[in-house]
């Protein structure tokens, strides 16, 4: 069962994960990691962040992504 002690601020999460605070907010908004919004700030669920980091996320464009500039020309 989760408790309030399992949540950390984006500032602390940024220090622990080497991810920027805006990127952590993006992950939270897209529900990639579990988080709660309190006012204007996000509180990140630490076990969720650890699971995300353990999944070895890689930055950049993913293979097979449909991008507007990769359209085939007729």
N, C-alpha and C. Protein backbone atom coordinates (compact mmCIF):
# COMPACT_ATOMS: atom_id res chain seq x y z
N UNK A 1 0.85 -1.19 0.00
CA UNK A 1 0.00 0.00 0.00
C UNK A 1 0.89 1.24 0.00
N UNK A 2 0.53 2.19 -0.84
CA UNK A 2 1.35 3.38 -0.95
C UNK A 2 1.03 4.37 0.17
N UNK A 3 2.06 5.09 0.58
CA UNK A 3 1.86 6.14 1.58
C UNK A 3 2.46 7.44 1.03
N UNK A 4 2.21 8.51 1.71
CA UNK A 4 2.71 9.81 1.27
C UNK A 4 4.23 9.83 1.28
N UNK A 5 4.84 8.97 2.10
CA UNK A 5 6.31 8.92 2.18
C UNK A 5 6.92 8.28 0.93
N UNK A 6 6.10 7.63 0.09
CA UNK A 6 6.58 7.03 -1.14
C UNK A 6 6.65 8.03 -2.29
N UNK A 7 6.21 9.26 -2.06
CA UNK A 7 6.21 10.29 -3.09
C UNK A 7 7.32 11.30 -2.82
N UNK A 8 7.98 11.73 -3.90
CA UNK A 8 9.02 12.74 -3.78
C UNK A 8 8.74 13.86 -4.79
N UNK A 9 9.31 15.03 -4.54
CA UNK A 9 9.12 16.16 -5.44
C UNK A 9 9.88 15.92 -6.74
N UNK A 10 9.51 16.66 -7.76
CA UNK A 10 10.24 16.54 -9.03
C UNK A 10 11.68 17.00 -8.87
N UNK A 11 11.92 17.93 -7.96
CA UNK A 11 13.30 18.39 -7.72
C UNK A 11 14.15 17.25 -7.18
N UNK A 12 13.64 16.53 -6.19
CA UNK A 12 14.36 15.40 -5.62
C UNK A 12 14.46 14.25 -6.63
N UNK A 13 13.39 14.01 -7.37
CA UNK A 13 13.40 12.95 -8.38
C UNK A 13 14.41 13.25 -9.47
N UNK A 14 14.55 14.53 -9.81
CA UNK A 14 15.52 14.94 -10.82
C UNK A 14 16.95 14.66 -10.35
N UNK A 15 17.22 14.95 -9.09
CA UNK A 15 18.55 14.68 -8.53
C UNK A 15 18.86 13.18 -8.55
N UNK A 16 17.86 12.37 -8.21
CA UNK A 16 18.08 10.92 -8.11
C UNK A 16 18.15 10.23 -9.47
N UNK A 17 17.46 10.77 -10.46
CA UNK A 17 17.32 10.07 -11.74
C UNK A 17 18.14 10.66 -12.88
N UNK A 18 18.68 11.86 -12.70
CA UNK A 18 19.39 12.58 -13.76
C UNK A 18 18.46 12.97 -14.92
N UNK A 19 17.14 12.99 -14.67
CA UNK A 19 16.17 13.47 -15.65
C UNK A 19 15.77 14.88 -15.24
N UNK A 20 15.46 15.73 -16.20
CA UNK A 20 15.08 17.11 -15.87
C UNK A 20 13.69 17.15 -15.26
N UNK A 21 13.42 18.20 -14.50
CA UNK A 21 12.11 18.36 -13.90
C UNK A 21 11.00 18.45 -14.94
N UNK A 22 11.19 19.21 -16.04
CA UNK A 22 10.15 19.24 -17.07
C UNK A 22 9.90 17.86 -17.69
N UNK A 23 10.96 17.08 -17.87
CA UNK A 23 10.78 15.74 -18.45
C UNK A 23 10.01 14.84 -17.49
N UNK A 24 10.29 14.95 -16.20
CA UNK A 24 9.53 14.17 -15.22
C UNK A 24 8.05 14.57 -15.24
N UNK A 25 7.78 15.86 -15.39
CA UNK A 25 6.41 16.33 -15.51
C UNK A 25 5.73 15.76 -16.74
N UNK A 26 6.47 15.70 -17.84
CA UNK A 26 5.94 15.12 -19.08
C UNK A 26 5.61 13.63 -18.88
N UNK A 27 6.52 12.90 -18.24
CA UNK A 27 6.27 11.48 -17.97
C UNK A 27 5.04 11.31 -17.08
N UNK A 28 4.88 12.20 -16.11
CA UNK A 28 3.72 12.13 -15.21
C UNK A 28 2.43 12.44 -15.97
N UNK A 29 2.43 13.51 -16.80
CA UNK A 29 1.24 13.87 -17.56
C UNK A 29 0.83 12.77 -18.52
N UNK A 30 1.80 12.09 -19.11
CA UNK A 30 1.52 11.01 -20.06
C UNK A 30 1.31 9.66 -19.38
N UNK A 31 1.31 9.67 -18.06
CA UNK A 31 1.07 8.48 -17.24
C UNK A 31 2.07 7.36 -17.52
N UNK A 32 3.30 7.76 -17.83
CA UNK A 32 4.39 6.80 -17.99
C UNK A 32 4.88 6.40 -16.60
N UNK A 33 4.91 7.37 -15.69
CA UNK A 33 5.22 7.09 -14.29
C UNK A 33 4.04 7.55 -13.44
N UNK A 34 3.88 6.93 -12.30
CA UNK A 34 2.78 7.26 -11.41
C UNK A 34 3.14 8.52 -10.63
N UNK A 35 2.23 9.46 -10.60
CA UNK A 35 2.48 10.73 -9.91
C UNK A 35 1.14 11.37 -9.54
N UNK A 36 1.22 12.33 -8.65
CA UNK A 36 0.05 13.11 -8.26
C UNK A 36 0.38 14.58 -8.40
N UNK A 37 -0.58 15.33 -8.87
CA UNK A 37 -0.38 16.77 -9.01
C UNK A 37 -0.97 17.46 -7.79
N UNK A 38 -0.14 18.24 -7.14
CA UNK A 38 -0.56 19.01 -5.96
C UNK A 38 -0.33 20.48 -6.30
N UNK A 39 -1.41 21.19 -6.56
CA UNK A 39 -1.28 22.57 -7.00
C UNK A 39 -0.62 22.60 -8.37
N UNK A 40 0.51 23.28 -8.46
CA UNK A 40 1.26 23.35 -9.72
C UNK A 40 2.38 22.32 -9.78
N UNK A 41 2.59 21.60 -8.70
CA UNK A 41 3.73 20.70 -8.60
C UNK A 41 3.32 19.24 -8.72
N UNK A 42 4.25 18.43 -9.23
CA UNK A 42 4.05 16.99 -9.32
C UNK A 42 4.80 16.32 -8.18
N UNK A 43 4.17 15.32 -7.59
CA UNK A 43 4.84 14.42 -6.65
C UNK A 43 4.96 13.08 -7.34
N UNK A 44 6.17 12.59 -7.44
CA UNK A 44 6.47 11.38 -8.19
C UNK A 44 6.48 10.19 -7.24
N UNK A 45 5.80 9.12 -7.62
CA UNK A 45 5.78 7.89 -6.84
C UNK A 45 7.11 7.18 -7.06
N UNK A 46 7.92 7.11 -6.01
CA UNK A 46 9.29 6.63 -6.13
C UNK A 46 9.41 5.22 -6.71
N UNK A 47 8.61 4.23 -6.28
CA UNK A 47 8.72 2.90 -6.90
C UNK A 47 8.43 2.92 -8.41
N UNK A 48 7.54 3.79 -8.84
CA UNK A 48 7.22 3.91 -10.26
C UNK A 48 8.41 4.49 -11.03
N UNK A 49 9.06 5.49 -10.46
CA UNK A 49 10.23 6.08 -11.08
C UNK A 49 11.36 5.06 -11.19
N UNK A 50 11.57 4.29 -10.12
CA UNK A 50 12.62 3.27 -10.14
C UNK A 50 12.32 2.21 -11.20
N UNK A 51 11.07 1.82 -11.34
CA UNK A 51 10.69 0.83 -12.35
C UNK A 51 10.93 1.39 -13.75
N UNK A 52 10.61 2.67 -13.95
CA UNK A 52 10.85 3.31 -15.25
C UNK A 52 12.34 3.33 -15.57
N UNK A 53 13.17 3.69 -14.61
CA UNK A 53 14.61 3.74 -14.83
C UNK A 53 15.19 2.35 -15.05
N UNK A 54 14.63 1.34 -14.38
CA UNK A 54 15.09 -0.04 -14.57
C UNK A 54 14.74 -0.58 -15.95
N UNK A 55 13.74 0.01 -16.60
CA UNK A 55 13.34 -0.44 -17.93
C UNK A 55 14.29 0.06 -19.01
N UNK A 56 15.34 0.80 -18.60
CA UNK A 56 16.37 1.29 -19.50
C UNK A 56 15.79 2.16 -20.63
N UNK A 57 15.10 3.26 -20.27
CA UNK A 57 14.53 4.12 -21.31
C UNK A 57 15.65 4.81 -22.09
N UNK A 58 15.47 4.92 -23.38
CA UNK A 58 16.46 5.59 -24.21
C UNK A 58 15.82 6.81 -24.86
N UNK A 59 16.54 7.93 -24.87
CA UNK A 59 15.99 9.13 -25.49
C UNK A 59 16.01 9.04 -27.01
N UNK A 60 15.26 9.89 -27.62
CA UNK A 60 15.30 9.99 -29.08
C UNK A 60 14.10 9.37 -29.76
N UNK A 61 14.12 9.41 -31.06
CA UNK A 61 13.03 8.91 -31.88
C UNK A 61 13.07 7.39 -31.90
N UNK A 62 11.95 6.77 -31.70
CA UNK A 62 11.86 5.32 -31.66
C UNK A 62 11.72 4.76 -33.08
N UNK A 63 12.28 3.57 -33.32
CA UNK A 63 12.14 2.95 -34.65
C UNK A 63 10.67 2.76 -35.01
N UNK A 64 10.35 3.06 -36.23
CA UNK A 64 8.97 2.89 -36.70
C UNK A 64 8.06 4.05 -36.38
N UNK A 65 8.58 5.09 -35.75
CA UNK A 65 7.74 6.24 -35.42
C UNK A 65 7.29 6.93 -36.70
N UNK A 66 6.03 7.30 -36.76
CA UNK A 66 5.49 7.97 -37.94
C UNK A 66 5.73 9.47 -37.79
N UNK A 67 6.62 9.98 -38.60
CA UNK A 67 7.00 11.37 -38.53
C UNK A 67 6.61 12.08 -39.81
N UNK A 68 6.16 13.30 -39.68
CA UNK A 68 5.66 14.02 -40.84
C UNK A 68 6.75 14.23 -41.89
N UNK A 69 8.01 14.37 -41.50
CA UNK A 69 9.05 14.60 -42.49
C UNK A 69 9.55 13.32 -43.15
N UNK A 70 9.05 12.18 -42.72
CA UNK A 70 9.43 10.91 -43.33
C UNK A 70 8.37 10.41 -44.31
N UNK A 71 7.46 11.26 -44.69
CA UNK A 71 6.41 10.85 -45.64
C UNK A 71 7.05 10.47 -46.97
N UNK A 72 6.54 9.44 -47.56
CA UNK A 72 7.03 9.03 -48.89
C UNK A 72 6.42 9.99 -49.91
N UNK A 73 7.24 10.40 -50.82
CA UNK A 73 6.76 11.30 -51.86
C UNK A 73 6.37 10.50 -53.08
N UNK A 74 5.27 10.90 -53.70
CA UNK A 74 4.79 10.19 -54.89
C UNK A 74 5.37 10.76 -56.15
